[in-house]
């Protein structure tokens, strides 16, 4: 079990050396990730000559790239009823209502906590507080049911 008596203490020079090693490893990891992103972006913007996608993309005035073809494939899947593809398209098109939904959930959580505290401590114990708690719980249940349906 660790305690102050059996901890290994590093000298300032050892700590500095270990910090230097960590900094170098961190820099290498950042460079590796940056190179990965650069390569991925280069591949995604590569022109393709696909019999299936090129005519469609060109007719829309788009370049025939892997990126465009992938996005069109997601849109096609969404149109065929794939809800994950529809969610992907809506989310990356900036049409997702998730941030607003999160805000409503946080507000409901705050109200629920406040109502529970009032119920437990007896502060402001009125019919109004109990009705508010019931209303909050009903909203949470409806939200959970709606999310399960999706």
N, C-alpha and C. Protein backbone atom coordinates (compact mmCIF):
# COMPACT_ATOMS: atom_id res chain seq x y z
N UNK A 1 0.84 -1.17 0.00
CA UNK A 1 0.00 0.00 0.00
C UNK A 1 0.89 1.25 0.00
N UNK A 2 0.55 2.22 -0.83
CA UNK A 2 1.37 3.42 -0.93
C UNK A 2 1.13 4.35 0.25
N UNK A 3 2.22 4.86 0.77
CA UNK A 3 2.14 5.90 1.80
C UNK A 3 3.42 6.72 1.71
N UNK A 4 3.55 7.71 2.53
CA UNK A 4 4.70 8.62 2.45
C UNK A 4 6.03 7.91 2.73
N UNK A 5 6.01 6.81 3.47
CA UNK A 5 7.26 6.13 3.82
C UNK A 5 7.85 5.32 2.67
N UNK A 6 7.00 4.78 1.78
CA UNK A 6 7.54 3.93 0.73
C UNK A 6 7.45 4.54 -0.67
N UNK A 7 7.20 5.83 -0.78
CA UNK A 7 7.20 6.50 -2.07
C UNK A 7 8.63 6.74 -2.53
N UNK A 8 8.86 6.55 -3.84
CA UNK A 8 10.18 6.82 -4.41
C UNK A 8 10.21 8.29 -4.79
N UNK A 9 11.14 9.01 -4.26
CA UNK A 9 11.26 10.43 -4.56
C UNK A 9 12.35 10.62 -5.60
N UNK A 10 12.02 11.37 -6.64
CA UNK A 10 12.99 11.66 -7.70
C UNK A 10 13.73 12.94 -7.37
N UNK A 11 14.97 12.95 -7.77
CA UNK A 11 15.74 14.18 -7.62
C UNK A 11 15.24 15.17 -8.67
N UNK A 12 15.51 16.45 -8.49
CA UNK A 12 15.07 17.44 -9.48
C UNK A 12 15.60 17.14 -10.88
N UNK A 13 16.83 16.66 -10.99
CA UNK A 13 17.39 16.37 -12.32
C UNK A 13 16.68 15.16 -12.94
N UNK A 14 16.33 14.14 -12.12
CA UNK A 14 15.61 12.98 -12.65
C UNK A 14 14.20 13.37 -13.08
N UNK A 15 13.55 14.21 -12.31
CA UNK A 15 12.21 14.67 -12.65
C UNK A 15 12.25 15.48 -13.94
N UNK A 16 13.27 16.33 -14.08
CA UNK A 16 13.42 17.14 -15.28
C UNK A 16 13.65 16.25 -16.49
N UNK A 17 14.49 15.23 -16.34
CA UNK A 17 14.79 14.30 -17.43
C UNK A 17 13.53 13.53 -17.85
N UNK A 18 12.78 13.06 -16.86
CA UNK A 18 11.53 12.36 -17.18
C UNK A 18 10.54 13.28 -17.86
N UNK A 19 10.47 14.53 -17.44
CA UNK A 19 9.61 15.51 -18.08
C UNK A 19 10.02 15.76 -19.52
N UNK A 20 11.33 15.82 -19.75
CA UNK A 20 11.85 16.03 -21.11
C UNK A 20 11.45 14.85 -22.00
N UNK A 21 11.59 13.62 -21.47
CA UNK A 21 11.22 12.42 -22.24
C UNK A 21 9.73 12.44 -22.58
N UNK A 22 8.91 12.82 -21.59
CA UNK A 22 7.47 12.90 -21.83
C UNK A 22 7.12 13.94 -22.87
N UNK A 23 7.80 15.08 -22.84
CA UNK A 23 7.57 16.13 -23.83
C UNK A 23 7.93 15.68 -25.23
N UNK A 24 9.05 14.96 -25.36
CA UNK A 24 9.45 14.45 -26.68
C UNK A 24 8.44 13.43 -27.19
N UNK A 25 7.99 12.52 -26.31
CA UNK A 25 7.01 11.52 -26.72
C UNK A 25 5.69 12.18 -27.11
N UNK A 26 5.29 13.22 -26.38
CA UNK A 26 4.07 13.94 -26.70
C UNK A 26 4.17 14.61 -28.07
N UNK A 27 5.32 15.22 -28.35
CA UNK A 27 5.53 15.86 -29.64
C UNK A 27 5.47 14.86 -30.78
N UNK A 28 6.08 13.69 -30.57
CA UNK A 28 6.04 12.66 -31.60
C UNK A 28 4.61 12.19 -31.85
N UNK A 29 3.84 12.02 -30.79
CA UNK A 29 2.45 11.59 -30.92
C UNK A 29 1.63 12.64 -31.66
N UNK A 30 1.83 13.93 -31.34
CA UNK A 30 1.12 15.00 -32.04
C UNK A 30 1.47 15.02 -33.52
N UNK A 31 2.76 14.86 -33.83
CA UNK A 31 3.18 14.84 -35.24
C UNK A 31 2.56 13.65 -35.98
N UNK A 32 2.53 12.49 -35.31
CA UNK A 32 1.96 11.30 -35.92
C UNK A 32 0.47 11.51 -36.21
N UNK A 33 -0.26 12.09 -35.26
CA UNK A 33 -1.68 12.36 -35.47
C UNK A 33 -1.90 13.40 -36.57
N UNK A 34 -1.05 14.42 -36.60
CA UNK A 34 -1.16 15.45 -37.64
C UNK A 34 -0.90 14.85 -39.01
N UNK A 35 0.10 13.98 -39.11
CA UNK A 35 0.39 13.32 -40.39
C UNK A 35 -0.77 12.43 -40.81
N UNK A 36 -1.39 11.75 -39.85
CA UNK A 36 -2.54 10.90 -40.14
C UNK A 36 -3.68 11.74 -40.72
N UNK A 37 -3.99 12.89 -40.06
CA UNK A 37 -5.06 13.76 -40.55
C UNK A 37 -4.74 14.30 -41.94
N UNK A 38 -3.48 14.68 -42.15
CA UNK A 38 -3.07 15.22 -43.45
C UNK A 38 -3.24 14.16 -44.53
N UNK A 39 -2.82 12.94 -44.24
CA UNK A 39 -2.95 11.85 -45.21
C UNK A 39 -4.42 11.55 -45.49
N UNK A 40 -5.22 11.49 -44.44
CA UNK A 40 -6.65 11.22 -44.61
C UNK A 40 -7.31 12.29 -45.46
N UNK A 41 -7.03 13.56 -45.17
CA UNK A 41 -7.61 14.65 -45.97
C UNK A 41 -7.16 14.58 -47.42
N UNK A 42 -5.90 14.22 -47.65
CA UNK A 42 -5.39 14.10 -49.01
C UNK A 42 -6.13 12.98 -49.74
N UNK A 43 -6.33 11.84 -49.06
CA UNK A 43 -7.04 10.72 -49.69
C UNK A 43 -8.50 11.06 -49.96
N UNK A 44 -9.14 11.75 -49.02
CA UNK A 44 -10.55 12.10 -49.20
C UNK A 44 -10.77 13.07 -50.35
N UNK A 45 -9.79 13.91 -50.63
CA UNK A 45 -9.94 14.88 -51.72
C UNK A 45 -9.40 14.37 -53.04
N UNK A 46 -9.02 13.10 -53.08
CA UNK A 46 -8.52 12.49 -54.31
C UNK A 46 -9.67 12.32 -55.30
N UNK A 47 -9.42 12.70 -56.54
CA UNK A 47 -10.41 12.52 -57.60
C UNK A 47 -10.60 11.04 -57.88
N UNK A 48 -11.86 10.65 -58.09
CA UNK A 48 -12.15 9.26 -58.44
C UNK A 48 -12.90 9.23 -59.76
N UNK A 49 -12.87 8.08 -60.40
CA UNK A 49 -13.60 7.90 -61.65
C UNK A 49 -14.51 6.70 -61.45
N UNK A 50 -15.64 6.95 -60.80
CA UNK A 50 -16.60 5.89 -60.49
C UNK A 50 -17.78 5.99 -61.43
N UNK A 51 -18.11 4.87 -62.06
CA UNK A 51 -19.26 4.86 -62.98
C UNK A 51 -20.55 5.18 -62.25
N UNK A 52 -20.61 4.81 -60.97
CA UNK A 52 -21.82 5.03 -60.19
C UNK A 52 -21.94 6.47 -59.70
N UNK A 53 -20.84 7.05 -59.18
CA UNK A 53 -20.92 8.34 -58.51
C UNK A 53 -20.53 9.53 -59.36
N UNK A 54 -19.58 9.39 -60.26
CA UNK A 54 -19.09 10.54 -61.03
C UNK A 54 -20.20 11.27 -61.78
N UNK A 55 -21.08 10.57 -62.53
CA UNK A 55 -22.14 11.32 -63.24
C UNK A 55 -23.07 12.09 -62.29
N UNK A 56 -23.40 11.49 -61.17
CA UNK A 56 -24.31 12.15 -60.21
C UNK A 56 -23.64 13.39 -59.63
N UNK A 57 -22.39 13.23 -59.19
CA UNK A 57 -21.68 14.34 -58.57
C UNK A 57 -21.44 15.47 -59.56
N UNK A 58 -21.05 15.11 -60.79
CA UNK A 58 -20.80 16.14 -61.83
C UNK A 58 -22.10 16.89 -62.15
N UNK A 59 -23.23 16.16 -62.19
CA UNK A 59 -24.51 16.82 -62.50
C UNK A 59 -24.90 17.81 -61.41
N UNK A 60 -24.42 17.59 -60.19
CA UNK A 60 -24.69 18.51 -59.09
C UNK A 60 -23.66 19.62 -59.00
N UNK A 61 -22.68 19.59 -59.90
CA UNK A 61 -21.65 20.62 -59.89
C UNK A 61 -20.56 20.37 -58.86
N UNK A 62 -20.42 19.13 -58.42
CA UNK A 62 -19.41 18.79 -57.43
C UNK A 62 -18.26 18.04 -58.06
N UNK A 63 -17.10 18.11 -57.43
CA UNK A 63 -15.97 17.31 -57.87
C UNK A 63 -16.23 15.87 -57.48
N UNK A 64 -15.75 14.96 -58.30
CA UNK A 64 -15.91 13.54 -58.01
C UNK A 64 -14.75 13.08 -57.15
N UNK A 65 -14.90 13.26 -55.83
CA UNK A 65 -13.86 12.87 -54.89
C UNK A 65 -14.39 11.78 -53.96
N UNK A 66 -13.48 11.13 -53.25
CA UNK A 66 -13.91 10.12 -52.29
C UNK A 66 -14.83 10.74 -51.24
N UNK A 67 -14.49 11.93 -50.80
CA UNK A 67 -15.29 12.62 -49.79
C UNK A 67 -16.72 12.84 -50.27
N UNK A 68 -16.87 13.36 -51.49
CA UNK A 68 -18.20 13.62 -52.04
C UNK A 68 -18.98 12.32 -52.21
N UNK A 69 -18.30 11.28 -52.69
CA UNK A 69 -18.97 10.00 -52.90
C UNK A 69 -19.42 9.40 -51.57
N UNK A 70 -18.60 9.52 -50.53
CA UNK A 70 -18.98 8.99 -49.22
C UNK A 70 -20.19 9.73 -48.67
N UNK A 71 -20.21 11.05 -48.80
CA UNK A 71 -21.33 11.83 -48.30
C UNK A 71 -22.61 11.52 -49.08
N UNK A 72 -22.48 11.35 -50.39
CA UNK A 72 -23.65 10.98 -51.19
C UNK A 72 -24.16 9.60 -50.80
N UNK A 73 -23.25 8.69 -50.50
CA UNK A 73 -23.66 7.34 -50.08
C UNK A 73 -24.42 7.42 -48.75
N UNK A 74 -23.97 8.27 -47.84
CA UNK A 74 -24.68 8.44 -46.58
C UNK A 74 -26.08 9.02 -46.81
N UNK A 75 -26.18 9.98 -47.70
CA UNK A 75 -27.48 10.58 -48.02
C UNK A 75 -28.40 9.53 -48.63
N UNK A 76 -27.87 8.71 -49.54
CA UNK A 76 -28.67 7.66 -50.17
C UNK A 76 -29.17 6.67 -49.12
N UNK A 77 -28.29 6.27 -48.22
CA UNK A 77 -28.68 5.34 -47.15
C UNK A 77 -29.77 5.96 -46.28
N UNK A 78 -29.63 7.25 -45.98
CA UNK A 78 -30.63 7.93 -45.17
C UNK A 78 -31.99 7.95 -45.88
N UNK A 79 -31.96 8.17 -47.17
CA UNK A 79 -33.21 8.19 -47.95
C UNK A 79 -33.86 6.81 -48.00
N UNK A 80 -33.07 5.77 -47.85
CA UNK A 80 -33.60 4.41 -47.87
C UNK A 80 -34.06 3.97 -46.48
N UNK A 81 -33.99 4.86 -45.49
CA UNK A 81 -34.52 4.55 -44.17
C UNK A 81 -33.49 4.21 -43.11
N UNK A 82 -32.21 4.32 -43.42
CA UNK A 82 -31.18 4.04 -42.43
C UNK A 82 -31.10 5.23 -41.47
N UNK A 83 -31.59 5.03 -40.25
CA UNK A 83 -31.65 6.15 -39.30
C UNK A 83 -30.28 6.61 -38.84
N UNK A 84 -29.31 5.70 -38.77
CA UNK A 84 -27.96 6.11 -38.39
C UNK A 84 -27.36 7.02 -39.45
N UNK A 85 -27.61 6.69 -40.71
CA UNK A 85 -27.12 7.54 -41.79
C UNK A 85 -27.81 8.90 -41.77
N UNK A 86 -29.12 8.90 -41.48
CA UNK A 86 -29.86 10.15 -41.41
C UNK A 86 -29.34 11.01 -40.26
N UNK A 87 -29.05 10.39 -39.13
CA UNK A 87 -28.50 11.13 -37.99
C UNK A 87 -27.14 11.71 -38.36
N UNK A 88 -26.29 10.92 -39.03
CA UNK A 88 -24.97 11.38 -39.46
C UNK A 88 -25.11 12.62 -40.35
N UNK A 89 -25.99 12.53 -41.35
CA UNK A 89 -26.16 13.64 -42.29
C UNK A 89 -26.66 14.88 -41.56
N UNK A 90 -27.67 14.72 -40.69
CA UNK A 90 -28.22 15.87 -39.97
C UNK A 90 -27.18 16.47 -39.04
N UNK A 91 -26.44 15.63 -38.35
CA UNK A 91 -25.45 16.11 -37.39
C UNK A 91 -24.36 16.92 -38.08
N UNK A 92 -23.82 16.40 -39.18
CA UNK A 92 -22.72 17.09 -39.83
C UNK A 92 -23.17 18.21 -40.74
N UNK A 93 -24.47 18.30 -41.00
CA UNK A 93 -24.99 19.42 -41.77
C UNK A 93 -25.38 20.57 -40.83
N UNK A 94 -25.22 20.35 -39.51
CA UNK A 94 -25.56 21.38 -38.54
C UNK A 94 -27.04 21.47 -38.27
N UNK A 95 -27.80 20.43 -38.62
CA UNK A 95 -29.24 20.45 -38.44
C UNK A 95 -29.70 19.60 -37.26
N UNK A 96 -28.77 19.14 -36.46
CA UNK A 96 -29.12 18.33 -35.31
C UNK A 96 -29.60 19.23 -34.18
N UNK A 97 -30.65 18.79 -33.48
CA UNK A 97 -31.18 19.59 -32.38
C UNK A 97 -30.59 19.13 -31.06
N UNK A 98 -29.53 18.37 -31.10
CA UNK A 98 -28.93 17.81 -29.89
C UNK A 98 -28.52 18.88 -28.88
N UNK A 99 -27.82 19.94 -29.26
CA UNK A 99 -27.45 20.94 -28.26
C UNK A 99 -28.66 21.53 -27.52
N UNK A 100 -29.73 21.80 -28.26
CA UNK A 100 -30.94 22.34 -27.63
C UNK A 100 -31.56 21.30 -26.71
N UNK A 101 -31.56 20.04 -27.16
CA UNK A 101 -32.10 18.96 -26.34
C UNK A 101 -31.28 18.78 -25.06
N UNK A 102 -29.95 18.87 -25.18
CA UNK A 102 -29.09 18.76 -24.01
C UNK A 102 -29.39 19.86 -23.01
N UNK A 103 -29.60 21.06 -23.50
CA UNK A 103 -29.92 22.19 -22.62
C UNK A 103 -31.23 21.93 -21.88
N UNK A 104 -32.24 21.46 -22.61
CA UNK A 104 -33.52 21.15 -21.96
C UNK A 104 -33.35 20.06 -20.90
N UNK A 105 -32.54 19.04 -21.21
CA UNK A 105 -32.31 17.96 -20.25
C UNK A 105 -31.60 18.47 -19.01
N UNK A 106 -30.60 19.33 -19.19
CA UNK A 106 -29.89 19.89 -18.04
C UNK A 106 -30.83 20.72 -17.17
N UNK A 107 -31.69 21.52 -17.81
CA UNK A 107 -32.64 22.33 -17.05
C UNK A 107 -33.61 21.43 -16.28
N UNK A 108 -34.07 20.35 -16.93
CA UNK A 108 -34.98 19.42 -16.27
C UNK A 108 -34.28 18.74 -15.10
N UNK A 109 -33.00 18.37 -15.28
CA UNK A 109 -32.25 17.76 -14.19
C UNK A 109 -32.12 18.71 -13.01
N UNK A 110 -31.85 19.97 -13.28
CA UNK A 110 -31.72 20.97 -12.22
C UNK A 110 -33.04 21.13 -11.48
N UNK A 111 -34.13 21.22 -12.24
CA UNK A 111 -35.45 21.36 -11.62
C UNK A 111 -35.79 20.12 -10.79
N UNK A 112 -35.44 18.95 -11.32
CA UNK A 112 -35.72 17.70 -10.62
C UNK A 112 -34.94 17.64 -9.30
N UNK A 113 -33.67 18.00 -9.33
CA UNK A 113 -32.86 18.00 -8.11
C UNK A 113 -33.44 18.97 -7.07
N UNK A 114 -33.83 20.13 -7.56
CA UNK A 114 -34.38 21.14 -6.65
C UNK A 114 -35.70 20.64 -6.04
N UNK A 115 -36.54 20.02 -6.84
CA UNK A 115 -37.82 19.51 -6.34
C UNK A 115 -37.60 18.37 -5.35
N UNK A 116 -36.63 17.50 -5.63
CA UNK A 116 -36.33 16.40 -4.70
C UNK A 116 -35.83 16.95 -3.37
N UNK A 117 -34.96 17.95 -3.44
CA UNK A 117 -34.43 18.56 -2.22
C UNK A 117 -35.56 19.15 -1.39
N UNK A 118 -36.47 19.83 -2.06
CA UNK A 118 -37.60 20.42 -1.36
C UNK A 118 -38.47 19.33 -0.73
N UNK A 119 -38.64 18.21 -1.45
CA UNK A 119 -39.47 17.12 -0.92
C UNK A 119 -38.81 16.47 0.29
N UNK A 120 -37.48 16.32 0.26
CA UNK A 120 -36.76 15.65 1.34
C UNK A 120 -36.60 16.56 2.55
N UNK A 121 -36.19 17.79 2.33
CA UNK A 121 -35.90 18.69 3.45
C UNK A 121 -37.14 19.37 4.01
N UNK A 122 -38.22 19.33 3.24
CA UNK A 122 -39.44 19.97 3.71
C UNK A 122 -39.49 21.45 3.41
N UNK A 123 -38.44 21.96 2.74
CA UNK A 123 -38.44 23.36 2.36
C UNK A 123 -39.54 23.60 1.33
N UNK A 124 -40.32 24.62 1.56
CA UNK A 124 -41.34 25.01 0.60
C UNK A 124 -42.20 23.81 0.19
N UNK A 125 -42.57 23.02 1.18
CA UNK A 125 -43.33 21.80 0.91
C UNK A 125 -44.78 22.17 0.62
N UNK A 126 -45.05 22.32 -0.64
CA UNK A 126 -46.41 22.70 -1.03
C UNK A 126 -46.86 21.77 -2.15
N UNK A 127 -48.13 21.85 -2.44
CA UNK A 127 -48.68 21.06 -3.54
C UNK A 127 -48.02 21.46 -4.86
N UNK A 128 -47.64 22.73 -4.96
CA UNK A 128 -47.02 23.23 -6.19
C UNK A 128 -45.68 22.53 -6.43
N UNK A 129 -44.88 22.34 -5.39
CA UNK A 129 -43.59 21.66 -5.54
C UNK A 129 -43.78 20.21 -5.96
N UNK A 130 -44.76 19.54 -5.37
CA UNK A 130 -45.01 18.14 -5.73
C UNK A 130 -45.54 18.03 -7.15
N UNK A 131 -46.37 18.97 -7.55
CA UNK A 131 -46.88 18.97 -8.93
C UNK A 131 -45.73 19.21 -9.92
N UNK A 132 -44.82 20.09 -9.54
CA UNK A 132 -43.68 20.37 -10.40
C UNK A 132 -42.80 19.13 -10.53
N UNK A 133 -42.59 18.40 -9.44
CA UNK A 133 -41.81 17.17 -9.47
C UNK A 133 -42.48 16.14 -10.38
N UNK A 134 -43.80 16.00 -10.27
CA UNK A 134 -44.53 15.07 -11.14
C UNK A 134 -44.40 15.47 -12.61
N UNK A 135 -44.46 16.77 -12.88
CA UNK A 135 -44.33 17.28 -14.25
C UNK A 135 -42.94 16.99 -14.82
N UNK A 136 -41.92 17.19 -14.01
CA UNK A 136 -40.55 16.93 -14.43
C UNK A 136 -40.34 15.45 -14.71
N UNK A 137 -40.81 14.61 -13.81
CA UNK A 137 -40.67 13.16 -14.00
C UNK A 137 -41.40 12.69 -15.26
N UNK A 138 -42.57 13.26 -15.52
CA UNK A 138 -43.33 12.91 -16.72
C UNK A 138 -42.53 13.29 -17.97
N UNK A 139 -41.93 14.49 -17.97
CA UNK A 139 -41.12 14.93 -19.11
C UNK A 139 -39.91 14.05 -19.33
N UNK A 140 -39.27 13.64 -18.24
CA UNK A 140 -38.09 12.78 -18.35
C UNK A 140 -38.49 11.43 -18.94
N UNK A 141 -39.62 10.89 -18.45
CA UNK A 141 -40.09 9.60 -18.99
C UNK A 141 -40.43 9.70 -20.46
N UNK A 142 -41.10 10.77 -20.87
CA UNK A 142 -41.45 10.96 -22.28
C UNK A 142 -40.20 11.08 -23.14
N UNK A 143 -39.21 11.81 -22.65
CA UNK A 143 -37.96 11.97 -23.38
C UNK A 143 -37.25 10.63 -23.54
N UNK A 144 -37.24 9.83 -22.47
CA UNK A 144 -36.60 8.52 -22.53
C UNK A 144 -37.32 7.62 -23.52
N UNK A 145 -38.64 7.66 -23.53
CA UNK A 145 -39.43 6.85 -24.45
C UNK A 145 -39.16 7.28 -25.89
N UNK A 146 -39.07 8.60 -26.11
CA UNK A 146 -38.81 9.13 -27.45
C UNK A 146 -37.43 8.68 -27.94
N UNK A 147 -36.42 8.73 -27.06
CA UNK A 147 -35.07 8.33 -27.45
C UNK A 147 -34.99 6.84 -27.72
N UNK A 148 -35.75 6.02 -26.99
CA UNK A 148 -35.75 4.58 -27.24
C UNK A 148 -36.38 4.27 -28.59
N UNK A 149 -37.38 5.07 -28.99
CA UNK A 149 -38.04 4.87 -30.27
C UNK A 149 -37.11 5.18 -31.43
N UNK A 150 -36.19 6.09 -31.20
CA UNK A 150 -35.24 6.46 -32.27
C UNK A 150 -34.24 5.36 -32.41
